[in-house]
């Protein structure tokens, strides 16, 4: 069976990953502010945001593609008539 994802799928997943990363950075910034009430140290915020985004990068990698495939691509649907076990002959 030959499987092809829609054209531009991985570029679109990159944008979804960027959006998830920005939302997580905002969450880490807000959480850090609520816990510490520190407004004078930018290194605290930079380290927490970069560390948190680095730790969640595998989650972003996986779920950006999942969100794009199942929620943000309304025209892509399973077509059972195309699901065959045809052998592709290679020369």
PDB file of N, CA and C in Angstrom:
ATOM      1  N   UNK A   1       0.850  -1.160   0.000  1.00  0.00           N
ATOM      2  CA  UNK A   1       0.000   0.000   0.000  1.00  0.00           C
ATOM      3  C   UNK A   1       0.906   1.236   0.000  1.00  0.00           C
ATOM      4  N   UNK A   2       0.579   2.170  -0.831  1.00  0.00           N
ATOM      5  CA  UNK A   2       1.326   3.413  -0.919  1.00  0.00           C
ATOM      6  C   UNK A   2       0.593   4.468  -0.094  1.00  0.00           C
ATOM      7  N   UNK A   3       1.274   5.050   0.869  1.00  0.00           N
ATOM      8  CA  UNK A   3       0.653   6.024   1.757  1.00  0.00           C
ATOM      9  C   UNK A   3       1.311   7.375   1.557  1.00  0.00           C
ATOM     10  N   UNK A   4       0.511   8.372   1.262  1.00  0.00           N
ATOM     11  CA  UNK A   4       1.031   9.718   1.075  1.00  0.00           C
ATOM     12  C   UNK A   4       0.201  10.693   1.905  1.00  0.00           C
ATOM     13  N   UNK A   5       0.885  11.525   2.659  1.00  0.00           N
ATOM     14  CA  UNK A   5       0.215  12.567   3.436  1.00  0.00           C
ATOM     15  C   UNK A   5      -0.015  13.742   2.509  1.00  0.00           C
ATOM     16  N   UNK A   6      -0.992  14.573   2.836  1.00  0.00           N
ATOM     17  CA  UNK A   6      -1.304  15.706   1.983  1.00  0.00           C
ATOM     18  C   UNK A   6      -0.083  16.614   1.810  1.00  0.00           C
ATOM     19  N   UNK A   7       0.042  17.277   0.677  1.00  0.00           N
ATOM     20  CA  UNK A   7       1.191  18.159   0.444  1.00  0.00           C
ATOM     21  C   UNK A   7       1.242  19.297   1.466  1.00  0.00           C
ATOM     22  N   UNK A   8       2.420  19.593   1.966  1.00  0.00           N
ATOM     23  CA  UNK A   8       2.594  20.660   2.932  1.00  0.00           C
ATOM     24  C   UNK A   8       2.240  20.278   4.354  1.00  0.00           C
ATOM     25  N   UNK A   9       2.024  18.992   4.605  1.00  0.00           N
ATOM     26  CA  UNK A   9       1.608  18.534   5.931  1.00  0.00           C
ATOM     27  C   UNK A   9       2.637  18.885   7.002  1.00  0.00           C
ATOM     28  N   UNK A  10       3.910  18.641   6.730  1.00  0.00           N
ATOM     29  CA  UNK A  10       4.929  18.862   7.751  1.00  0.00           C
ATOM     30  C   UNK A  10       5.218  20.342   7.952  1.00  0.00           C
ATOM     31  N   UNK A  11       5.049  21.149   6.910  1.00  0.00           N
ATOM     32  CA  UNK A  11       5.173  22.601   7.096  1.00  0.00           C
ATOM     33  C   UNK A  11       4.048  23.117   7.973  1.00  0.00           C
ATOM     34  N   UNK A  12       2.847  22.644   7.758  1.00  0.00           N
ATOM     35  CA  UNK A  12       1.710  23.061   8.581  1.00  0.00           C
ATOM     36  C   UNK A  12       1.876  22.572  10.018  1.00  0.00           C
ATOM     37  N   UNK A  13       2.404  21.367  10.199  1.00  0.00           N
ATOM     38  CA  UNK A  13       2.654  20.848  11.546  1.00  0.00           C
ATOM     39  C   UNK A  13       3.701  21.691  12.265  1.00  0.00           C
ATOM     40  N   UNK A  14       4.637  22.265  11.519  1.00  0.00           N
ATOM     41  CA  UNK A  14       5.632  23.148  12.113  1.00  0.00           C
ATOM     42  C   UNK A  14       4.957  24.386  12.691  1.00  0.00           C
ATOM     43  N   UNK A  15       3.971  24.939  11.992  1.00  0.00           N
ATOM     44  CA  UNK A  15       3.259  26.106  12.498  1.00  0.00           C
ATOM     45  C   UNK A  15       2.406  25.755  13.716  1.00  0.00           C
ATOM     46  N   UNK A  16       1.815  24.578  13.715  1.00  0.00           N
ATOM     47  CA  UNK A  16       1.042  24.131  14.876  1.00  0.00           C
ATOM     48  C   UNK A  16       1.976  23.943  16.071  1.00  0.00           C
ATOM     49  N   UNK A  17       3.162  23.398  15.841  1.00  0.00           N
ATOM     50  CA  UNK A  17       4.145  23.232  16.904  1.00  0.00           C
ATOM     51  C   UNK A  17       4.582  24.578  17.466  1.00  0.00           C
ATOM     52  N   UNK A  18       4.767  25.554  16.603  1.00  0.00           N
ATOM     53  CA  UNK A  18       5.129  26.901  17.047  1.00  0.00           C
ATOM     54  C   UNK A  18       4.022  27.486  17.922  1.00  0.00           C
ATOM     55  N   UNK A  19       2.777  27.304  17.538  1.00  0.00           N
ATOM     56  CA  UNK A  19       1.652  27.799  18.324  1.00  0.00           C
ATOM     57  C   UNK A  19       1.601  27.127  19.693  1.00  0.00           C
ATOM     58  N   UNK A  20       1.817  25.823  19.738  1.00  0.00           N
ATOM     59  CA  UNK A  20       1.850  25.116  21.020  1.00  0.00           C
ATOM     60  C   UNK A  20       2.989  25.636  21.890  1.00  0.00           C
ATOM     61  N   UNK A  21       4.130  25.889  21.281  1.00  0.00           N
ATOM     62  CA  UNK A  21       5.291  26.377  22.023  1.00  0.00           C
ATOM     63  C   UNK A  21       5.030  27.761  22.607  1.00  0.00           C
ATOM     64  N   UNK A  22       4.387  28.637  21.859  1.00  0.00           N
ATOM     65  CA  UNK A  22       4.066  29.979  22.357  1.00  0.00           C
ATOM     66  C   UNK A  22       3.061  29.887  23.504  1.00  0.00           C
ATOM     67  N   UNK A  23       2.074  29.014  23.376  1.00  0.00           N
ATOM     68  CA  UNK A  23       1.106  28.848  24.460  1.00  0.00           C
ATOM     69  C   UNK A  23       1.768  28.296  25.719  1.00  0.00           C
ATOM     70  N   UNK A  24       2.681  27.354  25.563  1.00  0.00           N
ATOM     71  CA  UNK A  24       3.385  26.804  26.716  1.00  0.00           C
ATOM     72  C   UNK A  24       4.298  27.847  27.351  1.00  0.00           C
ATOM     73  N   UNK A  25       4.949  28.669  26.539  1.00  0.00           N
ATOM     74  CA  UNK A  25       5.803  29.731  27.082  1.00  0.00           C
ATOM     75  C   UNK A  25       4.966  30.716  27.883  1.00  0.00           C
ATOM     76  N   UNK A  26       3.794  31.063  27.388  1.00  0.00           N
ATOM     77  CA  UNK A  26       2.899  31.939  28.135  1.00  0.00           C
ATOM     78  C   UNK A  26       2.444  31.308  29.441  1.00  0.00           C
ATOM     79  N   UNK A  27       2.168  30.017  29.397  1.00  0.00           N
ATOM     80  CA  UNK A  27       1.783  29.306  30.614  1.00  0.00           C
ATOM     81  C   UNK A  27       2.915  29.313  31.633  1.00  0.00           C
ATOM     82  N   UNK A  28       4.142  29.035  31.174  1.00  0.00           N
ATOM     83  CA  UNK A  28       5.289  29.031  32.093  1.00  0.00           C
ATOM     84  C   UNK A  28       5.566  30.417  32.645  1.00  0.00           C
ATOM     85  N   UNK A  29       5.407  31.440  31.817  1.00  0.00           N
ATOM     86  CA  UNK A  29       5.600  32.807  32.300  1.00  0.00           C
ATOM     87  C   UNK A  29       4.570  33.147  33.373  1.00  0.00           C
ATOM     88  N   UNK A  30       3.305  32.855  33.119  1.00  0.00           N
ATOM     89  CA  UNK A  30       2.251  33.169  34.069  1.00  0.00           C
ATOM     90  C   UNK A  30       2.410  32.377  35.365  1.00  0.00           C
ATOM     91  N   UNK A  31       2.739  31.103  35.249  1.00  0.00           N
ATOM     92  CA  UNK A  31       2.931  30.270  36.438  1.00  0.00           C
ATOM     93  C   UNK A  31       4.107  30.762  37.267  1.00  0.00           C
ATOM     94  N   UNK A  32       5.203  31.123  36.603  1.00  0.00           N
ATOM     95  CA  UNK A  32       6.369  31.635  37.321  1.00  0.00           C
ATOM     96  C   UNK A  32       6.031  32.939  38.033  1.00  0.00           C
ATOM     97  N   UNK A  33       5.299  33.797  37.367  1.00  0.00           N
ATOM     98  CA  UNK A  33       4.916  35.058  37.994  1.00  0.00           C
ATOM     99  C   UNK A  33       3.985  34.816  39.187  1.00  0.00           C
ATOM    100  N   UNK A  34       3.029  33.920  39.045  1.00  0.00           N
ATOM    101  CA  UNK A  34       2.078  33.658  40.129  1.00  0.00           C
ATOM    102  C   UNK A  34       2.759  33.009  41.336  1.00  0.00           C
ATOM    103  N   UNK A  35       3.780  32.194  41.097  1.00  0.00           N
ATOM    104  CA  UNK A  35       4.460  31.524  42.207  1.00  0.00           C
ATOM    105  C   UNK A  35       5.505  32.406  42.874  1.00  0.00           C
ATOM    106  N   UNK A  36       6.211  33.248  42.115  1.00  0.00           N
ATOM    107  CA  UNK A  36       7.330  34.000  42.680  1.00  0.00           C
ATOM    108  C   UNK A  36       7.050  35.482  42.858  1.00  0.00           C
ATOM    109  N   UNK A  37       6.145  36.056  42.087  1.00  0.00           N
ATOM    110  CA  UNK A  37       5.883  37.505  42.077  1.00  0.00           C
ATOM    111  C   UNK A  37       7.159  38.304  41.850  1.00  0.00           C
ATOM    112  N   UNK A  38       8.092  37.723  41.122  1.00  0.00           N
ATOM    113  CA  UNK A  38       9.366  38.370  40.832  1.00  0.00           C
ATOM    114  C   UNK A  38       9.258  39.086  39.487  1.00  0.00           C
ATOM    115  N   UNK A  39       9.482  40.401  39.483  1.00  0.00           N
ATOM    116  CA  UNK A  39       9.447  41.161  38.233  1.00  0.00           C
ATOM    117  C   UNK A  39      10.811  41.750  37.889  1.00  0.00           C
ATOM    118  N   UNK A  40      11.837  41.453  38.672  1.00  0.00           N
ATOM    119  CA  UNK A  40      13.142  42.086  38.462  1.00  0.00           C
ATOM    120  C   UNK A  40      14.163  41.177  37.794  1.00  0.00           C
ATOM    121  N   UNK A  41      13.958  39.877  37.788  1.00  0.00           N
ATOM    122  CA  UNK A  41      14.957  38.954  37.260  1.00  0.00           C
ATOM    123  C   UNK A  41      14.500  38.330  35.940  1.00  0.00           C
ATOM    124  N   UNK A  42      15.030  38.811  34.814  1.00  0.00           N
ATOM    125  CA  UNK A  42      14.643  38.180  33.544  1.00  0.00           C
ATOM    126  C   UNK A  42      15.233  36.778  33.396  1.00  0.00           C
ATOM    127  N   UNK A  43      16.342  36.497  34.080  1.00  0.00           N
ATOM    128  CA  UNK A  43      16.965  35.177  33.952  1.00  0.00           C
ATOM    129  C   UNK A  43      16.108  34.086  34.559  1.00  0.00           C
ATOM    130  N   UNK A  44      15.332  34.410  35.561  1.00  0.00           N
ATOM    131  CA  UNK A  44      14.404  33.431  36.132  1.00  0.00           C
ATOM    132  C   UNK A  44      13.377  33.023  35.081  1.00  0.00           C
ATOM    133  N   UNK A  45      12.782  34.006  34.428  1.00  0.00           N
ATOM    134  CA  UNK A  45      11.760  33.720  33.422  1.00  0.00           C
ATOM    135  C   UNK A  45      12.361  33.019  32.204  1.00  0.00           C
ATOM    136  N   UNK A  46      13.528  33.475  31.763  1.00  0.00           N
ATOM    137  CA  UNK A  46      14.169  32.865  30.592  1.00  0.00           C
ATOM    138  C   UNK A  46      14.502  31.405  30.865  1.00  0.00           C
ATOM    139  N   UNK A  47      15.061  31.121  32.048  1.00  0.00           N
ATOM    140  CA  UNK A  47      15.436  29.736  32.350  1.00  0.00           C
ATOM    141  C   UNK A  47      14.218  28.834  32.500  1.00  0.00           C
ATOM    142  N   UNK A  48      13.169  29.332  33.135  1.00  0.00           N
ATOM    143  CA  UNK A  48      11.964  28.511  33.310  1.00  0.00           C
ATOM    144  C   UNK A  48      11.283  28.251  31.964  1.00  0.00           C
ATOM    145  N   UNK A  49      11.160  29.296  31.143  1.00  0.00           N
ATOM    146  CA  UNK A  49      10.480  29.138  29.854  1.00  0.00           C
ATOM    147  C   UNK A  49      11.281  28.233  28.922  1.00  0.00           C
ATOM    148  N   UNK A  50      12.592  28.472  28.792  1.00  0.00           N
ATOM    149  CA  UNK A  50      13.405  27.628  27.903  1.00  0.00           C
ATOM    150  C   UNK A  50      13.492  26.195  28.409  1.00  0.00           C
ATOM    151  N   UNK A  51      13.646  26.024  29.723  1.00  0.00           N
ATOM    152  CA  UNK A  51      13.702  24.670  30.289  1.00  0.00           C
ATOM    153  C   UNK A  51      12.394  23.918  30.098  1.00  0.00           C
ATOM    154  N   UNK A  52      11.282  24.605  30.357  1.00  0.00           N
ATOM    155  CA  UNK A  52       9.980  23.954  30.191  1.00  0.00           C
ATOM    156  C   UNK A  52       9.690  23.607  28.744  1.00  0.00           C
ATOM    157  N   UNK A  53      10.009  24.529  27.834  1.00  0.00           N
ATOM    158  CA  UNK A  53       9.780  24.248  26.408  1.00  0.00           C
ATOM    159  C   UNK A  53      10.687  23.130  25.914  1.00  0.00           C
ATOM    160  N   UNK A  54      11.915  23.079  26.443  1.00  0.00           N
ATOM    161  CA  UNK A  54      12.822  21.992  26.062  1.00  0.00           C
ATOM    162  C   UNK A  54      12.306  20.643  26.558  1.00  0.00           C
ATOM    163  N   UNK A  55      11.799  20.626  27.789  1.00  0.00           N
ATOM    164  CA  UNK A  55      11.275  19.365  28.328  1.00  0.00           C
ATOM    165  C   UNK A  55      10.007  18.906  27.608  1.00  0.00           C
ATOM    166  N   UNK A  56       9.221  19.848  27.112  1.00  0.00           N
ATOM    167  CA  UNK A  56       7.982  19.486  26.422  1.00  0.00           C
ATOM    168  C   UNK A  56       8.142  19.377  24.906  1.00  0.00           C
ATOM    169  N   UNK A  57       9.356  19.473  24.398  1.00  0.00           N
ATOM    170  CA  UNK A  57       9.549  19.384  22.946  1.00  0.00           C
ATOM    171  C   UNK A  57       9.129  18.036  22.354  1.00  0.00           C
ATOM    172  N   UNK A  58       9.348  16.885  23.027  1.00  0.00           N
ATOM    173  CA  UNK A  58       8.815  15.642  22.450  1.00  0.00           C
ATOM    174  C   UNK A  58       7.294  15.630  22.377  1.00  0.00           C
ATOM    175  N   UNK A  59       6.638  16.238  23.353  1.00  0.00           N
ATOM    176  CA  UNK A  59       5.176  16.325  23.341  1.00  0.00           C
ATOM    177  C   UNK A  59       4.732  17.207  22.177  1.00  0.00           C
ATOM    178  N   UNK A  60       5.413  18.335  21.974  1.00  0.00           N
ATOM    179  CA  UNK A  60       5.085  19.215  20.847  1.00  0.00           C
ATOM    180  C   UNK A  60       5.292  18.510  19.518  1.00  0.00           C
ATOM    181  N   UNK A  61       6.381  17.777  19.397  1.00  0.00           N
ATOM    182  CA  UNK A  61       6.686  17.074  18.153  1.00  0.00           C
ATOM    183  C   UNK A  61       5.576  16.100  17.798  1.00  0.00           C
ATOM    184  N   UNK A  62       5.098  15.365  18.782  1.00  0.00           N
ATOM    185  CA  UNK A  62       4.070  14.357  18.533  1.00  0.00           C
ATOM    186  C   UNK A  62       2.694  14.988  18.322  1.00  0.00           C
ATOM    187  N   UNK A  63       2.299  15.843  19.244  1.00  0.00           N
ATOM    188  CA  UNK A  63       0.921  16.327  19.229  1.00  0.00           C
ATOM    189  C   UNK A  63       0.667  17.426  18.204  1.00  0.00           C
ATOM    190  N   UNK A  64       1.694  18.096  17.718  1.00  0.00           N
ATOM    191  CA  UNK A  64       1.446  19.066  16.647  1.00  0.00           C
ATOM    192  C   UNK A  64       0.962  18.343  15.392  1.00  0.00           C
ATOM    193  N   UNK A  65       1.546  17.193  15.107  1.00  0.00           N
ATOM    194  CA  UNK A  65       1.091  16.417  13.952  1.00  0.00           C
ATOM    195  C   UNK A  65      -0.277  15.792  14.190  1.00  0.00           C
ATOM    196  N   UNK A  66      -0.530  15.361  15.428  1.00  0.00           N
ATOM    197  CA  UNK A  66      -1.831  14.769  15.752  1.00  0.00           C
ATOM    198  C   UNK A  66      -2.934  15.817  15.644  1.00  0.00           C
ATOM    199  N   UNK A  67      -2.708  17.014  16.212  1.00  0.00           N
ATOM    200  CA  UNK A  67      -3.707  18.080  16.124  1.00  0.00           C
ATOM    201  C   UNK A  67      -3.980  18.451  14.678  1.00  0.00           C
ATOM    202  N   UNK A  68      -2.924  18.548  13.893  1.00  0.00           N
ATOM    203  CA  UNK A  68      -3.105  18.916  12.496  1.00  0.00           C
ATOM    204  C   UNK A  68      -3.882  17.843  11.744  1.00  0.00           C
ATOM    205  N   UNK A  69      -3.562  16.602  11.965  1.00  0.00           N
ATOM    206  CA  UNK A  69      -4.192  15.525  11.213  1.00  0.00           C
ATOM    207  C   UNK A  69      -5.659  15.334  11.594  1.00  0.00           C
ATOM    208  N   UNK A  70      -5.967  15.373  12.889  1.00  0.00           N
ATOM    209  CA  UNK A  70      -7.326  15.031  13.314  1.00  0.00           C
ATOM    210  C   UNK A  70      -8.243  16.233  13.490  1.00  0.00           C
ATOM    211  N   UNK A  71      -7.702  17.423  13.768  1.00  0.00           N
ATOM    212  CA  UNK A  71      -8.572  18.566  14.049  1.00  0.00           C
ATOM    213  C   UNK A  71      -8.478  19.677  13.020  1.00  0.00           C
ATOM    214  N   UNK A  72      -7.319  19.873  12.432  1.00  0.00           N
ATOM    215  CA  UNK A  72      -7.133  21.028  11.569  1.00  0.00           C
ATOM    216  C   UNK A  72      -7.119  20.696  10.083  1.00  0.00           C
ATOM    217  N   UNK A  73      -7.327  19.459   9.722  1.00  0.00           N
ATOM    218  CA  UNK A  73      -7.408  19.058   8.311  1.00  0.00           C
ATOM    219  C   UNK A  73      -8.784  18.465   8.035  1.00  0.00           C
ATOM    220  N   UNK A  74      -9.784  19.301   7.853  1.00  0.00           N
ATOM    221  CA  UNK A  74     -11.149  18.776   7.722  1.00  0.00           C
ATOM    222  C   UNK A  74     -11.390  18.019   6.416  1.00  0.00           C
ATOM    223  N   UNK A  75     -10.553  18.213   5.418  1.00  0.00           N
ATOM    224  CA  UNK A  75     -10.794  17.550   4.131  1.00  0.00           C
ATOM    225  C   UNK A  75     -10.150  16.179   4.030  1.00  0.00           C
ATOM    226  N   UNK A  76      -9.342  15.809   5.010  1.00  0.00           N
ATOM    227  CA  UNK A  76      -8.679  14.508   4.982  1.00  0.00           C
ATOM    228  C   UNK A  76      -9.535  13.518   5.773  1.00  0.00           C
ATOM    229  N   UNK A  77     -10.053  12.508   5.085  1.00  0.00           N
ATOM    230  CA  UNK A  77     -10.896  11.493   5.714  1.00  0.00           C
ATOM    231  C   UNK A  77     -10.437  10.115   5.258  1.00  0.00           C
ATOM    232  N   UNK A  78     -10.748   9.128   6.080  1.00  0.00           N
ATOM    233  CA  UNK A  78     -10.450   7.754   5.729  1.00  0.00           C
ATOM    234  C   UNK A  78     -11.371   7.310   4.603  1.00  0.00           C
ATOM    235  N   UNK A  79     -10.793   6.704   3.578  1.00  0.00           N
ATOM    236  CA  UNK A  79     -11.561   6.211   2.443  1.00  0.00           C
ATOM    237  C   UNK A  79     -11.352   4.699   2.335  1.00  0.00           C
ATOM    238  N   UNK A  80     -12.309   3.925   2.811  1.00  0.00           N
ATOM    239  CA  UNK A  80     -12.105   2.469   2.865  1.00  0.00           C
ATOM    240  C   UNK A  80     -11.938   1.825   1.495  1.00  0.00           C
ATOM    241  N   UNK A  81     -12.487   2.417   0.440  1.00  0.00           N
ATOM    242  CA  UNK A  81     -12.346   1.798  -0.876  1.00  0.00           C
ATOM    243  C   UNK A  81     -10.895   1.895  -1.388  1.00  0.00           C
ATOM    244  N   UNK A  82     -10.099   2.767  -0.804  1.00  0.00           N
ATOM    245  CA  UNK A  82      -8.689   2.863  -1.195  1.00  0.00           C
ATOM    246  C   UNK A  82      -7.785   1.970  -0.364  1.00  0.00           C
ATOM    247  N   UNK A  83      -8.337   1.345   0.671  1.00  0.00           N
ATOM    248  CA  UNK A  83      -7.554   0.492   1.566  1.00  0.00           C
ATOM    249  C   UNK A  83      -7.505  -0.922   1.002  1.00  0.00           C
ATOM    250  N   UNK A  84      -6.499  -1.163   0.204  1.00  0.00           N
ATOM    251  CA  UNK A  84      -6.328  -2.491  -0.382  1.00  0.00           C
ATOM    252  C   UNK A  84      -4.929  -2.990  -0.070  1.00  0.00           C
ATOM    253  N   UNK A  85      -4.747  -4.272  -0.199  1.00  0.00           N
ATOM    254  CA  UNK A  85      -3.449  -4.873   0.043  1.00  0.00           C
ATOM    255  C   UNK A  85      -2.746  -5.184  -1.262  1.00  0.00           C
ATOM    256  N   UNK A  86      -2.824  -4.272  -2.197  1.00  0.00           N
ATOM    257  CA  UNK A  86      -2.166  -4.469  -3.486  1.00  0.00           C
ATOM    258  C   UNK A  86      -0.662  -4.457  -3.301  1.00  0.00           C
ATOM    259  N   UNK A  87      -0.015  -5.364  -3.966  1.00  0.00           N
ATOM    260  CA  UNK A  87       1.437  -5.416  -3.953  1.00  0.00           C
ATOM    261  C   UNK A  87       1.962  -4.462  -5.006  1.00  0.00           C
ATOM    262  N   UNK A  88       2.864  -3.606  -4.603  1.00  0.00           N
ATOM    263  CA  UNK A  88       3.491  -2.689  -5.549  1.00  0.00           C
ATOM    264  C   UNK A  88       4.770  -3.355  -6.048  1.00  0.00           C
ATOM    265  N   UNK A  89       4.837  -3.511  -7.342  1.00  0.00           N
ATOM    266  CA  UNK A  89       6.023  -4.162  -7.889  1.00  0.00           C
ATOM    267  C   UNK A  89       7.102  -3.118  -8.135  1.00  0.00           C
ATOM    268  N   UNK A  90       8.258  -3.403  -7.638  1.00  0.00           N
ATOM    269  CA  UNK A  90       9.409  -2.518  -7.831  1.00  0.00           C
ATOM    270  C   UNK A  90      10.367  -3.184  -8.817  1.00  0.00           C
ATOM    271  N   UNK A  91      10.871  -2.423  -9.769  1.00  0.00           N
ATOM    272  CA  UNK A  91      11.767  -3.043 -10.771  1.00  0.00           C
ATOM    273  C   UNK A  91      13.092  -3.462 -10.192  1.00  0.00           C
TER     274      UNK A  91
END
